[in-house]
């Protein structure tokens, strides 16, 4: 695997209570004003089984198998965008007289929906600019298609730079499928397309190197395009 140079862009996408991307307007947000994205494995240690004789001799032993519960996700960011906070926490947006988002309300934690999060990190060591190359760079692409129970952490406003922390946890399964976006080459010409295969039902994250560039950072919500329905015979 190549070396990671630095994190570049994050995109969050609204998903429903079954982990499916919600198509339509106001369902995605792309930004780069963040410090770190932590993906910490949540693992329960298995229970060891030991058989010990009365004289102290170990007659049998089996090491317990750890259970992987998912990733505890923590995002440290600087940009207090009402659209991003609404997408990730469900906190209602506050609008001004002209309908422009200017703030948000802190309410209860929403656990019946969630969001998918994608991260692009620039890499070193990939020879993507040789004569036969088809891209303009390479990135390590991280996808956690279903994060739920997100909430904002402590906030301290003072004389120093302020940041916010968003915490949540991944869930396995869901209906992300191959995704609503073009994130990887699908042929030798480097044509961008969706994932070639969906994540398995027990999987929480996918990571791979791609030469398909990340999306552009824009202000406000971004639409999520639904695939065109199959024609009626």
C-alpha atoms as a PDB file:
ATOM      1  CA  UNK A   1       0.000   0.000   0.000  1.00  0.00           C
ATOM      2  CA  UNK A   2       1.207   3.558  -0.638  1.00  0.00           C
ATOM      3  CA  UNK A   3       2.011   6.122   2.029  1.00  0.00           C
ATOM      4  CA  UNK A   4      -0.706   8.526   3.147  1.00  0.00           C
ATOM      5  CA  UNK A   5       0.330  12.151   2.670  1.00  0.00           C
ATOM      6  CA  UNK A   6      -2.657  13.982   4.162  1.00  0.00           C
ATOM      7  CA  UNK A   7      -6.439  13.896   4.364  1.00  0.00           C
ATOM      8  CA  UNK A   8      -8.106  15.847   1.606  1.00  0.00           C
ATOM      9  CA  UNK A   9     -11.911  15.852   1.349  1.00  0.00           C
ATOM     10  CA  UNK A  10     -14.875  14.379   3.228  1.00  0.00           C
ATOM     11  CA  UNK A  11     -18.367  13.763   1.892  1.00  0.00           C
ATOM     12  CA  UNK A  12     -21.331  12.803   4.066  1.00  0.00           C
ATOM     13  CA  UNK A  13     -24.551  11.390   2.607  1.00  0.00           C
ATOM     14  CA  UNK A  14     -27.880  10.946   4.317  1.00  0.00           C
ATOM     15  CA  UNK A  15     -29.044   7.333   4.690  1.00  0.00           C
ATOM     16  CA  UNK A  16     -32.409   6.057   5.846  1.00  0.00           C
ATOM     17  CA  UNK A  17     -33.268   3.654   8.671  1.00  0.00           C
ATOM     18  CA  UNK A  18     -32.082   0.742   6.507  1.00  0.00           C
ATOM     19  CA  UNK A  19     -28.751   2.330   5.565  1.00  0.00           C
ATOM     20  CA  UNK A  20     -29.826   3.223   2.019  1.00  0.00           C
ATOM     21  CA  UNK A  21     -28.659   6.529   0.476  1.00  0.00           C
ATOM     22  CA  UNK A  22     -31.492   9.051   0.350  1.00  0.00           C
ATOM     23  CA  UNK A  23     -31.701  10.448  -3.172  1.00  0.00           C
ATOM     24  CA  UNK A  24     -32.758  13.968  -4.049  1.00  0.00           C
ATOM     25  CA  UNK A  25     -31.784  17.491  -3.058  1.00  0.00           C
ATOM     26  CA  UNK A  26     -30.274  18.449   0.325  1.00  0.00           C
ATOM     27  CA  UNK A  27     -28.903  14.982   1.080  1.00  0.00           C
ATOM     28  CA  UNK A  28     -25.101  15.354   0.849  1.00  0.00           C
ATOM     29  CA  UNK A  29     -22.381  17.731   1.966  1.00  0.00           C
ATOM     30  CA  UNK A  30     -18.729  18.017   0.835  1.00  0.00           C
ATOM     31  CA  UNK A  31     -16.083  19.854   2.856  1.00  0.00           C
ATOM     32  CA  UNK A  32     -12.392  19.976   3.694  1.00  0.00           C
ATOM     33  CA  UNK A  33     -12.346  22.145   6.843  1.00  0.00           C
ATOM     34  CA  UNK A  34     -11.551  19.374   9.325  1.00  0.00           C
ATOM     35  CA  UNK A  35      -8.572  18.305  11.417  1.00  0.00           C
ATOM     36  CA  UNK A  36      -8.888  14.546  11.909  1.00  0.00           C
ATOM     37  CA  UNK A  37     -11.196  11.605  11.324  1.00  0.00           C
ATOM     38  CA  UNK A  38     -10.631   8.800  13.833  1.00  0.00           C
ATOM     39  CA  UNK A  39     -11.867   5.276  13.100  1.00  0.00           C
ATOM     40  CA  UNK A  40     -11.311   3.282  16.281  1.00  0.00           C
ATOM     41  CA  UNK A  41     -12.160  -0.456  16.288  1.00  0.00           C
ATOM     42  CA  UNK A  42     -14.693  -1.490  18.933  1.00  0.00           C
ATOM     43  CA  UNK A  43     -13.762  -5.054  19.853  1.00  0.00           C
ATOM     44  CA  UNK A  44     -15.120  -7.247  22.634  1.00  0.00           C
ATOM     45  CA  UNK A  45     -12.539  -9.693  23.957  1.00  0.00           C
ATOM     46  CA  UNK A  46     -13.625 -13.295  23.706  1.00  0.00           C
ATOM     47  CA  UNK A  47     -13.951 -15.425  26.827  1.00  0.00           C
ATOM     48  CA  UNK A  48     -11.117 -17.912  27.363  1.00  0.00           C
ATOM     49  CA  UNK A  49     -12.026 -21.451  28.421  1.00  0.00           C
ATOM     50  CA  UNK A  50      -9.626 -23.293  30.733  1.00  0.00           C
ATOM     51  CA  UNK A  51      -9.843 -26.731  32.316  1.00  0.00           C
ATOM     52  CA  UNK A  52      -7.620 -27.029  35.415  1.00  0.00           C
ATOM     53  CA  UNK A  53      -7.133 -30.259  37.348  1.00  0.00           C
ATOM     54  CA  UNK A  54      -7.164 -30.418  41.140  1.00  0.00           C
ATOM     55  CA  UNK A  55      -3.374 -30.720  41.142  1.00  0.00           C
ATOM     56  CA  UNK A  56      -3.067 -27.467  39.190  1.00  0.00           C
ATOM     57  CA  UNK A  57      -2.250 -29.000  35.799  1.00  0.00           C
ATOM     58  CA  UNK A  58      -3.928 -27.383  32.800  1.00  0.00           C
ATOM     59  CA  UNK A  59      -5.913 -30.108  31.052  1.00  0.00           C
ATOM     60  CA  UNK A  60      -7.240 -27.975  28.260  1.00  0.00           C
ATOM     61  CA  UNK A  61      -7.349 -24.373  27.105  1.00  0.00           C
ATOM     62  CA  UNK A  62      -9.066 -22.480  24.321  1.00  0.00           C
ATOM     63  CA  UNK A  63      -8.478 -18.834  23.549  1.00  0.00           C
ATOM     64  CA  UNK A  64     -11.673 -16.825  23.154  1.00  0.00           C
ATOM     65  CA  UNK A  65     -12.438 -15.282  19.775  1.00  0.00           C
ATOM     66  CA  UNK A  66     -12.831 -11.491  19.866  1.00  0.00           C
ATOM     67  CA  UNK A  67     -16.026  -9.990  18.432  1.00  0.00           C
ATOM     68  CA  UNK A  68     -15.748  -6.944  16.182  1.00  0.00           C
ATOM     69  CA  UNK A  69     -18.606  -4.526  16.870  1.00  0.00           C
ATOM     70  CA  UNK A  70     -17.612  -1.860  14.373  1.00  0.00           C
ATOM     71  CA  UNK A  71     -15.774   1.455  14.408  1.00  0.00           C
ATOM     72  CA  UNK A  72     -16.256   4.289  16.860  1.00  0.00           C
ATOM     73  CA  UNK A  73     -16.010   7.335  14.620  1.00  0.00           C
ATOM     74  CA  UNK A  74     -14.802  10.736  15.803  1.00  0.00           C
ATOM     75  CA  UNK A  75     -14.509  13.729  13.488  1.00  0.00           C
ATOM     76  CA  UNK A  76     -12.785  16.895  14.639  1.00  0.00           C
ATOM     77  CA  UNK A  77     -13.840  19.823  12.457  1.00  0.00           C
ATOM     78  CA  UNK A  78     -13.868  23.620  12.392  1.00  0.00           C
ATOM     79  CA  UNK A  79     -16.658  24.589  10.028  1.00  0.00           C
ATOM     80  CA  UNK A  80     -19.968  25.125  11.865  1.00  0.00           C
ATOM     81  CA  UNK A  81     -22.184  24.475   8.847  1.00  0.00           C
ATOM     82  CA  UNK A  82     -25.857  23.937   9.762  1.00  0.00           C
ATOM     83  CA  UNK A  83     -26.308  21.686   6.714  1.00  0.00           C
ATOM     84  CA  UNK A  84     -23.522  19.330   7.803  1.00  0.00           C
ATOM     85  CA  UNK A  85     -24.749  19.189  11.393  1.00  0.00           C
ATOM     86  CA  UNK A  86     -28.322  18.480  10.269  1.00  0.00           C
ATOM     87  CA  UNK A  87     -27.179  15.688   7.949  1.00  0.00           C
ATOM     88  CA  UNK A  88     -25.107  13.940  10.596  1.00  0.00           C
ATOM     89  CA  UNK A  89     -27.058  14.538  13.830  1.00  0.00           C
ATOM     90  CA  UNK A  90     -30.603  15.307  12.680  1.00  0.00           C
ATOM     91  CA  UNK A  91     -30.525  18.676  14.462  1.00  0.00           C
ATOM     92  CA  UNK A  92     -33.041  20.996  12.767  1.00  0.00           C
ATOM     93  CA  UNK A  93     -31.644  23.873  10.706  1.00  0.00           C
ATOM     94  CA  UNK A  94     -32.485  27.468  11.664  1.00  0.00           C
ATOM     95  CA  UNK A  95     -33.190  29.736   8.656  1.00  0.00           C
ATOM     96  CA  UNK A  96     -33.170  33.499   8.248  1.00  0.00           C
ATOM     97  CA  UNK A  97     -35.902  35.596   6.623  1.00  0.00           C
ATOM     98  CA  UNK A  98     -34.607  34.721   3.145  1.00  0.00           C
ATOM     99  CA  UNK A  99     -34.471  30.962   3.763  1.00  0.00           C
ATOM    100  CA  UNK A 100     -30.699  30.859   4.234  1.00  0.00           C
ATOM    101  CA  UNK A 101     -29.353  28.384   6.852  1.00  0.00           C
ATOM    102  CA  UNK A 102     -27.864  30.384   9.739  1.00  0.00           C
ATOM    103  CA  UNK A 103     -27.830  27.929  12.654  1.00  0.00           C
ATOM    104  CA  UNK A 104     -29.237  24.772  14.183  1.00  0.00           C
ATOM    105  CA  UNK A 105     -31.110  23.485  17.245  1.00  0.00           C
ATOM    106  CA  UNK A 106     -29.566  20.948  19.618  1.00  0.00           C
ATOM    107  CA  UNK A 107     -32.151  18.225  20.186  1.00  0.00           C
ATOM    108  CA  UNK A 108     -32.279  14.509  20.981  1.00  0.00           C
ATOM    109  CA  UNK A 109     -29.887  11.983  19.458  1.00  0.00           C
ATOM    110  CA  UNK A 110     -31.299  10.458  16.262  1.00  0.00           C
ATOM    111  CA  UNK A 111     -30.745   6.697  16.117  1.00  0.00           C
ATOM    112  CA  UNK A 112     -33.294   5.719  13.461  1.00  0.00           C
ATOM    113  CA  UNK A 113     -31.319   7.129  10.538  1.00  0.00           C
ATOM    114  CA  UNK A 114     -27.700   8.060   9.895  1.00  0.00           C
ATOM    115  CA  UNK A 115     -25.187   8.936   7.218  1.00  0.00           C
ATOM    116  CA  UNK A 116     -22.460   7.483   5.076  1.00  0.00           C
ATOM    117  CA  UNK A 117     -19.032   9.090   5.244  1.00  0.00           C
ATOM    118  CA  UNK A 118     -16.290   9.019   2.609  1.00  0.00           C
ATOM    119  CA  UNK A 119     -12.736  10.289   3.033  1.00  0.00           C
ATOM    120  CA  UNK A 120     -10.108  10.875   0.358  1.00  0.00           C
ATOM    121  CA  UNK A 121      -6.474  11.041   1.493  1.00  0.00           C
ATOM    122  CA  UNK A 122      -3.641  11.923  -0.883  1.00  0.00           C
ATOM    123  CA  UNK A 123      -0.948   9.284  -1.172  1.00  0.00           C
ATOM    124  CA  UNK A 124       2.752   9.018  -1.949  1.00  0.00           C
ATOM    125  CA  UNK A 125       4.542   6.233  -3.735  1.00  0.00           C
ATOM    126  CA  UNK A 126       1.992   5.531  -6.439  1.00  0.00           C
ATOM    127  CA  UNK A 127       3.369   5.973  -9.974  1.00  0.00           C
ATOM    128  CA  UNK A 128       0.165   7.482 -11.386  1.00  0.00           C
ATOM    129  CA  UNK A 129       1.830  10.039 -13.639  1.00  0.00           C
ATOM    130  CA  UNK A 130       3.814   7.728 -15.896  1.00  0.00           C
ATOM    131  CA  UNK A 131       3.355   7.584 -19.652  1.00  0.00           C
ATOM    132  CA  UNK A 132       0.660   4.906 -19.415  1.00  0.00           C
ATOM    133  CA  UNK A 133      -1.215   6.534 -16.546  1.00  0.00           C
ATOM    134  CA  UNK A 134      -4.834   7.634 -16.958  1.00  0.00           C
ATOM    135  CA  UNK A 135      -5.302   9.770 -13.837  1.00  0.00           C
ATOM    136  CA  UNK A 136      -3.954  12.984 -12.382  1.00  0.00           C
ATOM    137  CA  UNK A 137      -3.117  11.586  -8.949  1.00  0.00           C
ATOM    138  CA  UNK A 138      -4.033   8.887  -6.480  1.00  0.00           C
ATOM    139  CA  UNK A 139      -5.968   8.812  -3.238  1.00  0.00           C
ATOM    140  CA  UNK A 140      -6.745   6.282  -0.565  1.00  0.00           C
ATOM    141  CA  UNK A 141     -10.522   6.138  -0.397  1.00  0.00           C
ATOM    142  CA  UNK A 142     -12.271   5.234   2.865  1.00  0.00           C
ATOM    143  CA  UNK A 143     -15.979   4.427   2.959  1.00  0.00           C
ATOM    144  CA  UNK A 144     -18.075   3.816   6.057  1.00  0.00           C
ATOM    145  CA  UNK A 145     -21.531   3.547   4.508  1.00  0.00           C
ATOM    146  CA  UNK A 146     -23.605   3.583   7.678  1.00  0.00           C
ATOM    147  CA  UNK A 147     -22.814   5.695  10.749  1.00  0.00           C
ATOM    148  CA  UNK A 148     -25.572   6.099  13.345  1.00  0.00           C
ATOM    149  CA  UNK A 149     -26.156   7.727  16.716  1.00  0.00           C
ATOM    150  CA  UNK A 150     -23.997  10.747  15.889  1.00  0.00           C
ATOM    151  CA  UNK A 151     -23.786  13.573  18.410  1.00  0.00           C
ATOM    152  CA  UNK A 152     -21.737  16.700  18.995  1.00  0.00           C
ATOM    153  CA  UNK A 153     -19.206  16.735  21.803  1.00  0.00           C
ATOM    154  CA  UNK A 154     -18.199  19.435  24.260  1.00  0.00           C
ATOM    155  CA  UNK A 155     -17.848  22.947  22.909  1.00  0.00           C
ATOM    156  CA  UNK A 156     -15.618  25.581  24.487  1.00  0.00           C
ATOM    157  CA  UNK A 157     -15.560  29.111  23.124  1.00  0.00           C
ATOM    158  CA  UNK A 158     -12.691  31.309  24.257  1.00  0.00           C
ATOM    159  CA  UNK A 159      -9.650  33.204  23.048  1.00  0.00           C
ATOM    160  CA  UNK A 160      -8.192  30.253  21.140  1.00  0.00           C
ATOM    161  CA  UNK A 161      -9.327  28.611  17.930  1.00  0.00           C
ATOM    162  CA  UNK A 162     -12.500  26.602  18.513  1.00  0.00           C
ATOM    163  CA  UNK A 163     -13.292  23.203  17.048  1.00  0.00           C
ATOM    164  CA  UNK A 164     -16.154  20.748  17.302  1.00  0.00           C
ATOM    165  CA  UNK A 165     -16.195  16.980  17.692  1.00  0.00           C
ATOM    166  CA  UNK A 166     -18.743  14.661  16.126  1.00  0.00           C
ATOM    167  CA  UNK A 167     -18.960  11.107  17.480  1.00  0.00           C
ATOM    168  CA  UNK A 168     -20.880   8.120  16.146  1.00  0.00           C
ATOM    169  CA  UNK A 169     -20.585   4.401  15.475  1.00  0.00           C
ATOM    170  CA  UNK A 170     -20.697   2.327  12.312  1.00  0.00           C
ATOM    171  CA  UNK A 171     -23.265  -0.347  11.564  1.00  0.00           C
ATOM    172  CA  UNK A 172     -22.834  -3.365   9.305  1.00  0.00           C
ATOM    173  CA  UNK A 173     -25.034  -4.252   6.375  1.00  0.00           C
ATOM    174  CA  UNK A 174     -27.409  -1.621   5.095  1.00  0.00           C
ATOM    175  CA  UNK A 175     -28.392  -0.706   1.581  1.00  0.00           C
ATOM    176  CA  UNK A 176     -25.481   1.367   0.300  1.00  0.00           C
ATOM    177  CA  UNK A 177     -24.890  -1.215  -2.425  1.00  0.00           C
ATOM    178  CA  UNK A 178     -22.440   0.047  -5.036  1.00  0.00           C
ATOM    179  CA  UNK A 179     -23.224   3.619  -4.019  1.00  0.00           C
ATOM    180  CA  UNK A 180     -24.669   6.655  -5.787  1.00  0.00           C
ATOM    181  CA  UNK A 181     -21.279   8.108  -6.781  1.00  0.00           C
ATOM    182  CA  UNK A 182     -18.400   7.533  -9.200  1.00  0.00           C
ATOM    183  CA  UNK A 183     -15.428   6.733  -6.948  1.00  0.00           C
ATOM    184  CA  UNK A 184     -13.173   4.341  -8.885  1.00  0.00           C
ATOM    185  CA  UNK A 185     -12.054   3.439 -12.431  1.00  0.00           C
ATOM    186  CA  UNK A 186     -14.230   0.781 -14.043  1.00  0.00           C
ATOM    187  CA  UNK A 187     -12.080   0.079 -17.106  1.00  0.00           C
ATOM    188  CA  UNK A 188      -8.518   0.347 -18.439  1.00  0.00           C
ATOM    189  CA  UNK A 189      -9.233   3.854 -19.736  1.00  0.00           C
ATOM    190  CA  UNK A 190      -9.838   5.064 -16.177  1.00  0.00           C
ATOM    191  CA  UNK A 191     -13.540   5.795 -16.680  1.00  0.00           C
ATOM    192  CA  UNK A 192     -15.007   6.799 -13.283  1.00  0.00           C
ATOM    193  CA  UNK A 193     -17.822   4.647 -11.975  1.00  0.00           C
ATOM    194  CA  UNK A 194     -19.439   3.341  -8.786  1.00  0.00           C
ATOM    195  CA  UNK A 195     -18.103   0.527  -6.627  1.00  0.00           C
ATOM    196  CA  UNK A 196     -17.714  -2.685  -8.587  1.00  0.00           C
ATOM    197  CA  UNK A 197     -19.062  -4.751  -5.685  1.00  0.00           C
ATOM    198  CA  UNK A 198     -21.036  -3.836  -2.544  1.00  0.00           C
ATOM    199  CA  UNK A 199     -19.728  -4.347   0.958  1.00  0.00           C
ATOM    200  CA  UNK A 200     -20.605  -7.648   2.587  1.00  0.00           C
ATOM    201  CA  UNK A 201     -23.380  -7.841   5.199  1.00  0.00           C
ATOM    202  CA  UNK A 202     -20.851  -8.084   8.059  1.00  0.00           C
ATOM    203  CA  UNK A 203     -18.556  -5.293   6.826  1.00  0.00           C
ATOM    204  CA  UNK A 204     -18.245  -1.791   8.260  1.00  0.00           C
ATOM    205  CA  UNK A 205     -15.583  -0.107   6.104  1.00  0.00           C
ATOM    206  CA  UNK A 206     -13.962  -0.345   2.692  1.00  0.00           C
ATOM    207  CA  UNK A 207     -10.516   1.065   1.853  1.00  0.00           C
ATOM    208  CA  UNK A 208      -8.763   1.125  -1.515  1.00  0.00           C
ATOM    209  CA  UNK A 209      -6.535   3.211  -3.780  1.00  0.00           C
ATOM    210  CA  UNK A 210      -8.310   5.108  -6.547  1.00  0.00           C
ATOM    211  CA  UNK A 211      -7.285   7.472  -9.320  1.00  0.00           C
ATOM    212  CA  UNK A 212     -10.787   8.936  -9.517  1.00  0.00           C
ATOM    213  CA  UNK A 213     -10.464  12.357  -7.869  1.00  0.00           C
ATOM    214  CA  UNK A 214     -12.598  13.450  -4.902  1.00  0.00           C
ATOM    215  CA  UNK A 215     -15.581  15.754  -5.382  1.00  0.00           C
ATOM    216  CA  UNK A 216     -15.189  19.521  -5.377  1.00  0.00           C
ATOM    217  CA  UNK A 217     -15.862  21.352  -2.120  1.00  0.00           C
ATOM    218  CA  UNK A 218     -19.000  23.472  -2.462  1.00  0.00           C
ATOM    219  CA  UNK A 219     -21.106  25.601  -0.163  1.00  0.00           C
ATOM    220  CA  UNK A 220     -24.367  24.161   1.139  1.00  0.00           C
ATOM    221  CA  UNK A 221     -26.206  20.945   0.482  1.00  0.00           C
ATOM    222  CA  UNK A 222     -25.422  18.760  -2.517  1.00  0.00           C
ATOM    223  CA  UNK A 223     -27.960  16.565  -4.350  1.00  0.00           C
ATOM    224  CA  UNK A 224     -27.762  12.771  -4.403  1.00  0.00           C
ATOM    225  CA  UNK A 225     -28.805  11.502  -7.823  1.00  0.00           C
ATOM    226  CA  UNK A 226     -31.062   8.475  -8.017  1.00  0.00           C
ATOM    227  CA  UNK A 227     -30.367   5.909 -10.730  1.00  0.00           C
ATOM    228  CA  UNK A 228     -32.815   6.034 -13.587  1.00  0.00           C
ATOM    229  CA  UNK A 229     -35.553   3.382 -13.255  1.00  0.00           C
ATOM    230  CA  UNK A 230     -35.511   0.485 -15.657  1.00  0.00           C
ATOM    231  CA  UNK A 231     -37.843   1.034 -18.619  1.00  0.00           C
ATOM    232  CA  UNK A 232     -41.209  -0.661 -18.426  1.00  0.00           C
ATOM    233  CA  UNK A 233     -41.377  -3.431 -21.058  1.00  0.00           C
END
